[in-house]
N, C-alpha and C. Protein backbone atom coordinates (compact mmCIF):
# COMPACT_ATOMS: atom_id res chain seq x y z
N MET A 1 129.54 114.01 109.95
CA MET A 1 130.03 113.18 108.88
C MET A 1 128.94 113.03 107.83
N ILE A 2 129.30 113.26 106.62
CA ILE A 2 128.40 113.17 105.47
C ILE A 2 128.89 112.01 104.61
N SER A 3 127.94 111.18 104.12
CA SER A 3 128.36 110.07 103.26
C SER A 3 127.24 109.69 102.30
N LEU A 4 127.62 109.50 101.05
CA LEU A 4 126.76 108.88 100.05
C LEU A 4 127.38 107.53 99.76
N THR A 5 126.57 106.46 99.73
CA THR A 5 127.13 105.13 99.57
C THR A 5 126.22 104.25 98.73
N HIS A 6 126.82 103.32 98.01
CA HIS A 6 126.06 102.30 97.28
C HIS A 6 125.92 101.03 98.13
N ASP A 7 126.55 101.02 99.28
CA ASP A 7 126.50 99.87 100.18
C ASP A 7 125.38 100.02 101.20
N ALA A 8 125.03 98.90 101.84
CA ALA A 8 124.06 98.96 102.92
C ALA A 8 124.58 99.90 104.00
N ILE A 9 123.67 100.67 104.59
CA ILE A 9 124.06 101.63 105.62
C ILE A 9 124.33 100.91 106.93
N ASP A 10 125.46 101.21 107.52
CA ASP A 10 125.86 100.64 108.81
C ASP A 10 125.21 101.46 109.92
N ILE A 11 124.06 101.00 110.37
CA ILE A 11 123.29 101.73 111.38
C ILE A 11 124.07 101.84 112.69
N ASN A 12 124.64 100.74 113.14
CA ASN A 12 125.41 100.78 114.38
C ASN A 12 126.62 101.71 114.26
N GLY A 13 127.23 101.73 113.10
CA GLY A 13 128.36 102.63 112.87
C GLY A 13 127.94 104.09 112.96
N ALA A 14 126.77 104.41 112.42
CA ALA A 14 126.26 105.79 112.49
C ALA A 14 126.00 106.19 113.94
N ILE A 15 125.41 105.28 114.70
CA ILE A 15 125.14 105.56 116.12
C ILE A 15 126.45 105.77 116.86
N GLU A 16 127.42 104.90 116.63
CA GLU A 16 128.70 105.01 117.34
C GLU A 16 129.43 106.29 116.98
N GLN A 17 129.32 106.73 115.72
CA GLN A 17 129.96 107.99 115.33
C GLN A 17 129.29 109.18 116.01
N ALA A 18 128.00 109.06 116.30
CA ALA A 18 127.27 110.16 116.93
C ALA A 18 127.44 110.18 118.45
N ARG A 19 127.74 109.03 119.04
CA ARG A 19 127.87 108.96 120.50
C ARG A 19 129.08 109.74 121.00
N SER A 20 128.93 110.30 122.20
CA SER A 20 130.03 111.05 122.81
C SER A 20 129.74 111.19 124.30
N PRO A 21 130.78 111.20 125.14
CA PRO A 21 130.57 111.45 126.56
C PRO A 21 129.94 112.82 126.83
N ALA A 22 130.07 113.75 125.86
CA ALA A 22 129.49 115.09 126.02
C ALA A 22 128.00 115.13 125.69
N ALA A 23 127.49 114.05 125.12
CA ALA A 23 126.09 114.02 124.68
C ALA A 23 125.23 113.21 125.64
N GLY A 24 124.14 113.83 126.05
CA GLY A 24 123.15 113.11 126.86
C GLY A 24 122.06 112.50 126.02
N ALA A 25 122.07 112.78 124.72
CA ALA A 25 121.04 112.26 123.82
C ALA A 25 121.64 111.96 122.46
N VAL A 26 121.24 110.82 121.91
CA VAL A 26 121.55 110.46 120.53
C VAL A 26 120.22 110.08 119.89
N VAL A 27 119.87 110.78 118.82
CA VAL A 27 118.64 110.49 118.11
C VAL A 27 119.01 109.92 116.74
N LEU A 28 118.36 108.81 116.39
CA LEU A 28 118.60 108.16 115.11
C LEU A 28 117.31 108.17 114.30
N PHE A 29 117.39 108.68 113.07
CA PHE A 29 116.28 108.59 112.13
C PHE A 29 116.71 107.65 111.02
N LEU A 30 115.84 106.70 110.69
CA LEU A 30 116.08 105.81 109.56
C LEU A 30 114.94 105.97 108.57
N GLY A 31 115.27 106.26 107.34
CA GLY A 31 114.29 106.24 106.27
C GLY A 31 114.43 104.91 105.56
N THR A 32 113.33 104.18 105.46
CA THR A 32 113.37 102.85 104.87
C THR A 32 112.45 102.78 103.65
N ALA A 33 112.73 101.85 102.77
CA ALA A 33 111.91 101.64 101.57
C ALA A 33 110.65 100.89 102.00
N ARG A 34 109.51 101.58 101.89
CA ARG A 34 108.25 100.97 102.31
C ARG A 34 107.65 100.12 101.18
N GLU A 35 106.74 99.25 101.56
CA GLU A 35 106.17 98.31 100.60
C GLU A 35 105.09 98.90 99.71
N ALA A 36 104.59 100.09 100.02
CA ALA A 36 103.56 100.70 99.19
C ALA A 36 103.56 102.21 99.41
N THR A 37 103.17 102.95 98.38
CA THR A 37 102.98 104.39 98.47
C THR A 37 101.58 104.68 97.95
N ALA A 38 100.78 105.34 98.78
CA ALA A 38 99.39 105.67 98.41
C ALA A 38 98.64 104.42 97.96
N GLY A 39 98.91 103.29 98.64
CA GLY A 39 98.23 102.04 98.34
C GLY A 39 98.76 101.28 97.14
N ARG A 40 99.76 101.82 96.47
CA ARG A 40 100.33 101.17 95.28
C ARG A 40 101.56 100.37 95.70
N PRO A 41 101.56 99.06 95.44
CA PRO A 41 102.69 98.21 95.86
C PRO A 41 104.01 98.60 95.19
N THR A 42 105.06 98.69 96.01
CA THR A 42 106.39 99.02 95.55
C THR A 42 107.24 97.75 95.46
N ALA A 43 107.96 97.58 94.37
CA ALA A 43 108.86 96.43 94.23
C ALA A 43 110.24 96.78 94.78
N SER A 44 110.72 98.00 94.50
CA SER A 44 112.05 98.44 94.94
C SER A 44 112.18 99.93 94.64
N LEU A 45 113.31 100.48 95.03
CA LEU A 45 113.63 101.88 94.75
C LEU A 45 115.02 101.96 94.13
N ASP A 46 115.25 103.01 93.37
CA ASP A 46 116.58 103.32 92.87
C ASP A 46 116.85 104.78 93.19
N TYR A 47 118.05 105.08 93.68
CA TYR A 47 118.44 106.44 94.01
C TYR A 47 119.62 106.86 93.15
N GLU A 48 119.54 108.09 92.63
CA GLU A 48 120.64 108.70 91.91
C GLU A 48 120.90 110.06 92.53
N ALA A 49 122.12 110.54 92.40
CA ALA A 49 122.47 111.84 92.97
C ALA A 49 123.47 112.55 92.08
N TYR A 50 123.45 113.85 92.18
CA TYR A 50 124.53 114.66 91.64
C TYR A 50 125.50 114.72 92.82
N GLY A 51 126.43 113.76 92.88
CA GLY A 51 127.26 113.50 94.05
C GLY A 51 127.94 114.69 94.67
N GLU A 52 128.72 115.42 93.89
CA GLU A 52 129.47 116.54 94.44
C GLU A 52 128.54 117.61 95.00
N MET A 53 127.48 117.91 94.25
CA MET A 53 126.53 118.92 94.71
C MET A 53 125.75 118.43 95.93
N ALA A 54 125.38 117.15 95.94
CA ALA A 54 124.65 116.59 97.07
C ALA A 54 125.50 116.65 98.34
N GLU A 55 126.77 116.31 98.24
CA GLU A 55 127.65 116.36 99.40
C GLU A 55 127.81 117.79 99.92
N LYS A 56 127.93 118.75 99.01
CA LYS A 56 128.05 120.16 99.41
C LYS A 56 126.78 120.63 100.12
N GLU A 57 125.64 120.24 99.59
CA GLU A 57 124.36 120.66 100.20
C GLU A 57 124.17 119.98 101.56
N LEU A 58 124.53 118.72 101.67
CA LEU A 58 124.44 118.03 102.97
C LEU A 58 125.36 118.71 103.99
N ALA A 59 126.56 119.08 103.56
CA ALA A 59 127.49 119.77 104.47
C ALA A 59 126.92 121.12 104.89
N ARG A 60 126.27 121.82 103.97
CA ARG A 60 125.65 123.10 104.30
C ARG A 60 124.53 122.91 105.33
N LEU A 61 123.72 121.86 105.14
CA LEU A 61 122.65 121.58 106.09
C LEU A 61 123.20 121.22 107.46
N GLU A 62 124.29 120.42 107.48
CA GLU A 62 124.91 120.08 108.75
C GLU A 62 125.40 121.35 109.46
N GLU A 63 126.06 122.21 108.71
CA GLU A 63 126.58 123.45 109.29
C GLU A 63 125.44 124.32 109.84
N LYS A 64 124.35 124.39 109.10
CA LYS A 64 123.20 125.19 109.55
C LYS A 64 122.57 124.58 110.81
N ALA A 65 122.46 123.26 110.83
CA ALA A 65 121.91 122.59 112.02
C ALA A 65 122.80 122.86 113.23
N ARG A 66 124.10 122.80 113.04
CA ARG A 66 125.03 123.06 114.14
C ARG A 66 124.93 124.52 114.62
N SER A 67 124.57 125.43 113.73
CA SER A 67 124.43 126.83 114.14
C SER A 67 123.10 127.09 114.87
N GLN A 68 122.10 126.24 114.62
CA GLN A 68 120.79 126.41 115.25
C GLN A 68 120.66 125.66 116.57
N TRP A 69 121.35 124.54 116.69
CA TRP A 69 121.28 123.72 117.89
C TRP A 69 122.70 123.40 118.35
N GLU A 70 122.89 123.23 119.62
CA GLU A 70 124.21 122.87 120.15
C GLU A 70 124.40 121.36 120.00
N LEU A 71 124.87 120.96 118.85
CA LEU A 71 125.06 119.55 118.56
C LEU A 71 126.47 119.12 118.90
N VAL A 72 126.57 117.89 119.37
CA VAL A 72 127.88 117.30 119.62
C VAL A 72 128.38 116.64 118.34
N GLU A 73 127.55 115.80 117.74
CA GLU A 73 127.91 115.12 116.49
C GLU A 73 126.70 115.08 115.56
N CYS A 74 126.98 114.94 114.27
CA CYS A 74 125.93 114.87 113.26
C CYS A 74 126.41 113.92 112.16
N VAL A 75 125.64 112.88 111.91
CA VAL A 75 125.99 111.88 110.91
C VAL A 75 124.82 111.77 109.92
N ILE A 76 125.13 111.93 108.64
CA ILE A 76 124.11 111.81 107.60
C ILE A 76 124.65 110.86 106.54
N VAL A 77 123.94 109.76 106.32
CA VAL A 77 124.35 108.77 105.32
C VAL A 77 123.15 108.50 104.42
N HIS A 78 123.34 108.64 103.11
CA HIS A 78 122.26 108.34 102.16
C HIS A 78 122.72 107.27 101.19
N ARG A 79 121.87 106.31 100.98
CA ARG A 79 122.18 105.21 100.06
C ARG A 79 121.85 105.61 98.64
N LEU A 80 122.66 105.17 97.71
CA LEU A 80 122.43 105.36 96.28
C LEU A 80 122.33 104.00 95.62
N GLY A 81 121.78 103.97 94.42
CA GLY A 81 121.65 102.72 93.69
C GLY A 81 120.35 102.02 94.03
N HIS A 82 120.34 100.71 93.83
CA HIS A 82 119.14 99.89 94.01
C HIS A 82 118.91 99.55 95.47
N VAL A 83 117.67 99.72 95.93
CA VAL A 83 117.30 99.46 97.32
C VAL A 83 116.04 98.60 97.34
N GLU A 84 116.09 97.52 98.06
CA GLU A 84 114.94 96.64 98.19
C GLU A 84 113.98 97.15 99.28
N VAL A 85 112.72 96.74 99.19
CA VAL A 85 111.74 97.09 100.21
C VAL A 85 112.26 96.62 101.57
N GLY A 86 112.17 97.49 102.56
CA GLY A 86 112.64 97.19 103.91
C GLY A 86 114.05 97.67 104.19
N ASP A 87 114.82 97.93 103.14
CA ASP A 87 116.20 98.39 103.33
C ASP A 87 116.22 99.85 103.81
N VAL A 88 117.30 100.21 104.49
CA VAL A 88 117.50 101.58 104.96
C VAL A 88 118.04 102.41 103.80
N CYS A 89 117.38 103.54 103.53
CA CYS A 89 117.77 104.45 102.45
C CYS A 89 118.58 105.62 102.98
N VAL A 90 118.26 106.07 104.19
CA VAL A 90 118.94 107.21 104.78
C VAL A 90 119.01 107.02 106.29
N ALA A 91 120.13 107.43 106.87
CA ALA A 91 120.29 107.42 108.32
C ALA A 91 120.82 108.78 108.76
N ILE A 92 120.18 109.33 109.78
CA ILE A 92 120.64 110.58 110.38
C ILE A 92 120.77 110.32 111.87
N ALA A 93 121.96 110.48 112.39
CA ALA A 93 122.22 110.31 113.82
C ALA A 93 122.74 111.64 114.35
N VAL A 94 122.05 112.18 115.34
CA VAL A 94 122.40 113.48 115.90
C VAL A 94 122.55 113.33 117.40
N SER A 95 123.62 113.91 117.94
CA SER A 95 123.80 113.90 119.38
C SER A 95 123.92 115.32 119.90
N ALA A 96 123.43 115.49 121.12
CA ALA A 96 123.46 116.79 121.78
C ALA A 96 123.44 116.56 123.28
N ALA A 97 123.72 117.60 124.02
CA ALA A 97 123.69 117.48 125.48
C ALA A 97 122.29 117.12 125.97
N HIS A 98 121.27 117.64 125.27
CA HIS A 98 119.87 117.43 125.71
C HIS A 98 119.03 116.92 124.56
N ARG A 99 118.01 116.13 124.87
CA ARG A 99 117.20 115.46 123.85
C ARG A 99 116.45 116.41 122.93
N ALA A 100 115.94 117.53 123.43
CA ALA A 100 115.16 118.44 122.58
C ALA A 100 115.98 118.89 121.37
N SER A 101 117.21 119.27 121.60
CA SER A 101 118.07 119.70 120.48
C SER A 101 118.31 118.57 119.50
N ALA A 102 118.56 117.37 120.00
CA ALA A 102 118.82 116.23 119.12
C ALA A 102 117.58 115.90 118.28
N PHE A 103 116.40 115.85 118.91
CA PHE A 103 115.17 115.57 118.17
C PHE A 103 114.89 116.67 117.14
N ASP A 104 114.95 117.92 117.56
CA ASP A 104 114.64 119.04 116.66
C ASP A 104 115.59 119.08 115.48
N ALA A 105 116.87 118.91 115.72
CA ALA A 105 117.85 118.94 114.64
C ALA A 105 117.66 117.77 113.68
N GLY A 106 117.41 116.59 114.22
CA GLY A 106 117.21 115.42 113.36
C GLY A 106 116.02 115.59 112.44
N ARG A 107 114.91 116.06 112.99
CA ARG A 107 113.71 116.27 112.16
C ARG A 107 113.95 117.35 111.11
N TRP A 108 114.58 118.44 111.52
CA TRP A 108 114.86 119.52 110.58
C TRP A 108 115.77 119.02 109.46
N LEU A 109 116.78 118.24 109.79
CA LEU A 109 117.72 117.75 108.78
C LEU A 109 117.02 116.88 107.73
N ILE A 110 116.18 115.94 108.13
CA ILE A 110 115.53 115.08 107.13
C ILE A 110 114.55 115.89 106.29
N ASP A 111 113.83 116.81 106.91
CA ASP A 111 112.87 117.62 106.16
C ASP A 111 113.60 118.50 105.13
N GLU A 112 114.66 119.16 105.54
CA GLU A 112 115.42 120.02 104.64
C GLU A 112 116.14 119.20 103.56
N MET A 113 116.64 118.04 103.95
CA MET A 113 117.34 117.19 103.00
C MET A 113 116.42 116.80 101.84
N LYS A 114 115.20 116.43 102.16
CA LYS A 114 114.25 116.01 101.13
C LYS A 114 113.88 117.16 100.20
N GLU A 115 114.00 118.38 100.69
CA GLU A 115 113.64 119.55 99.88
C GLU A 115 114.77 120.04 98.98
N SER A 116 116.01 119.96 99.46
CA SER A 116 117.07 120.69 98.76
C SER A 116 118.24 119.86 98.22
N VAL A 117 118.40 118.64 98.67
CA VAL A 117 119.57 117.87 98.25
C VAL A 117 119.27 117.15 96.93
N PRO A 118 120.15 117.29 95.93
CA PRO A 118 119.90 116.68 94.62
C PRO A 118 120.12 115.16 94.62
N ILE A 119 119.18 114.49 95.28
CA ILE A 119 119.12 113.03 95.29
C ILE A 119 117.73 112.69 94.78
N TRP A 120 117.68 111.85 93.74
CA TRP A 120 116.41 111.50 93.13
C TRP A 120 116.07 110.05 93.41
N LYS A 121 114.78 109.83 93.62
CA LYS A 121 114.28 108.48 93.92
C LYS A 121 113.38 108.02 92.78
N CYS A 122 113.62 106.80 92.33
CA CYS A 122 112.76 106.18 91.34
C CYS A 122 111.99 105.06 92.03
N GLU A 123 110.67 105.19 92.02
CA GLU A 123 109.81 104.13 92.55
C GLU A 123 109.64 103.08 91.47
N ASN A 124 110.01 101.86 91.76
CA ASN A 124 109.79 100.73 90.87
C ASN A 124 108.56 100.00 91.40
N TRP A 125 107.45 100.14 90.69
CA TRP A 125 106.19 99.59 91.17
C TRP A 125 106.10 98.09 90.86
N ALA A 126 105.29 97.41 91.63
CA ALA A 126 105.11 95.96 91.47
C ALA A 126 104.52 95.61 90.11
N ASP A 127 103.80 96.56 89.49
CA ASP A 127 103.21 96.29 88.16
C ASP A 127 104.20 96.52 87.02
N GLY A 128 105.46 96.86 87.35
CA GLY A 128 106.48 97.06 86.34
C GLY A 128 106.70 98.51 85.93
N ALA A 129 105.80 99.40 86.31
CA ALA A 129 105.97 100.82 86.00
C ALA A 129 107.05 101.43 86.90
N ARG A 130 107.61 102.57 86.45
CA ARG A 130 108.63 103.29 87.22
C ARG A 130 108.22 104.76 87.27
N GLU A 131 108.55 105.43 88.38
CA GLU A 131 108.22 106.85 88.52
C GLU A 131 109.29 107.54 89.34
N TRP A 132 109.86 108.64 88.78
CA TRP A 132 110.90 109.40 89.47
C TRP A 132 110.29 110.47 90.35
N VAL A 133 110.93 110.68 91.50
CA VAL A 133 110.54 111.75 92.42
C VAL A 133 111.81 112.54 92.69
N HIS A 134 111.73 113.88 92.65
CA HIS A 134 112.93 114.67 92.92
C HIS A 134 112.71 115.59 94.11
N PRO A 135 113.79 116.18 94.64
CA PRO A 135 113.68 117.03 95.83
C PRO A 135 112.61 118.12 95.66
N GLY A 136 111.82 118.29 96.71
CA GLY A 136 110.78 119.32 96.73
C GLY A 136 109.46 118.87 96.15
N MET A 137 109.40 117.67 95.55
CA MET A 137 108.15 117.17 95.00
C MET A 137 107.40 116.37 96.05
N GLU A 138 106.11 116.38 95.96
CA GLU A 138 105.29 115.53 96.81
C GLU A 138 105.36 114.10 96.29
N GLU A 139 105.17 113.12 97.18
CA GLU A 139 105.14 111.72 96.76
C GLU A 139 104.05 111.55 95.71
N GLY A 140 104.37 110.83 94.64
CA GLY A 140 103.40 110.56 93.60
C GLY A 140 103.33 111.64 92.52
N GLU A 141 103.97 112.78 92.72
CA GLU A 141 104.00 113.83 91.71
C GLU A 141 105.02 113.45 90.64
N ALA A 142 104.68 113.60 89.39
CA ALA A 142 105.56 113.17 88.29
C ALA A 142 106.79 114.05 88.20
N ARG A 143 107.92 113.45 87.81
CA ARG A 143 109.18 114.17 87.60
C ARG A 143 109.08 114.96 86.30
N PRO A 144 109.51 116.24 86.30
CA PRO A 144 109.46 117.04 85.07
C PRO A 144 110.40 116.50 84.01
């Protein structure tokens, strides 16, 4: 299941969607808005996406993960809009018969998602400055 939402992410819902009697492992990754990046205090984050393209790319990543690992379920939810420090920005719940596949797929999905999915993050710094980060950029690298 792929979802982009402006609402708070339902963590328990993601876990329940990933659970299955066929799965011996459910791995949950949560990306949260941290209070500082490279020692610079963060006030909040804003996320924007090219929705249709982002959903297609997320579906492609899910399909690729399913082809590489024997997954039972795969849930990817990314928040859009304004996010406060401490809030969940992304949730990935992966289930598989065995833990190694679930862990490997979950890590691969978040790493690939950050590289290729057209979702942009704006860091709103405590000093009032703002800085955009886009897929494939390192944290703190300026948006072109």
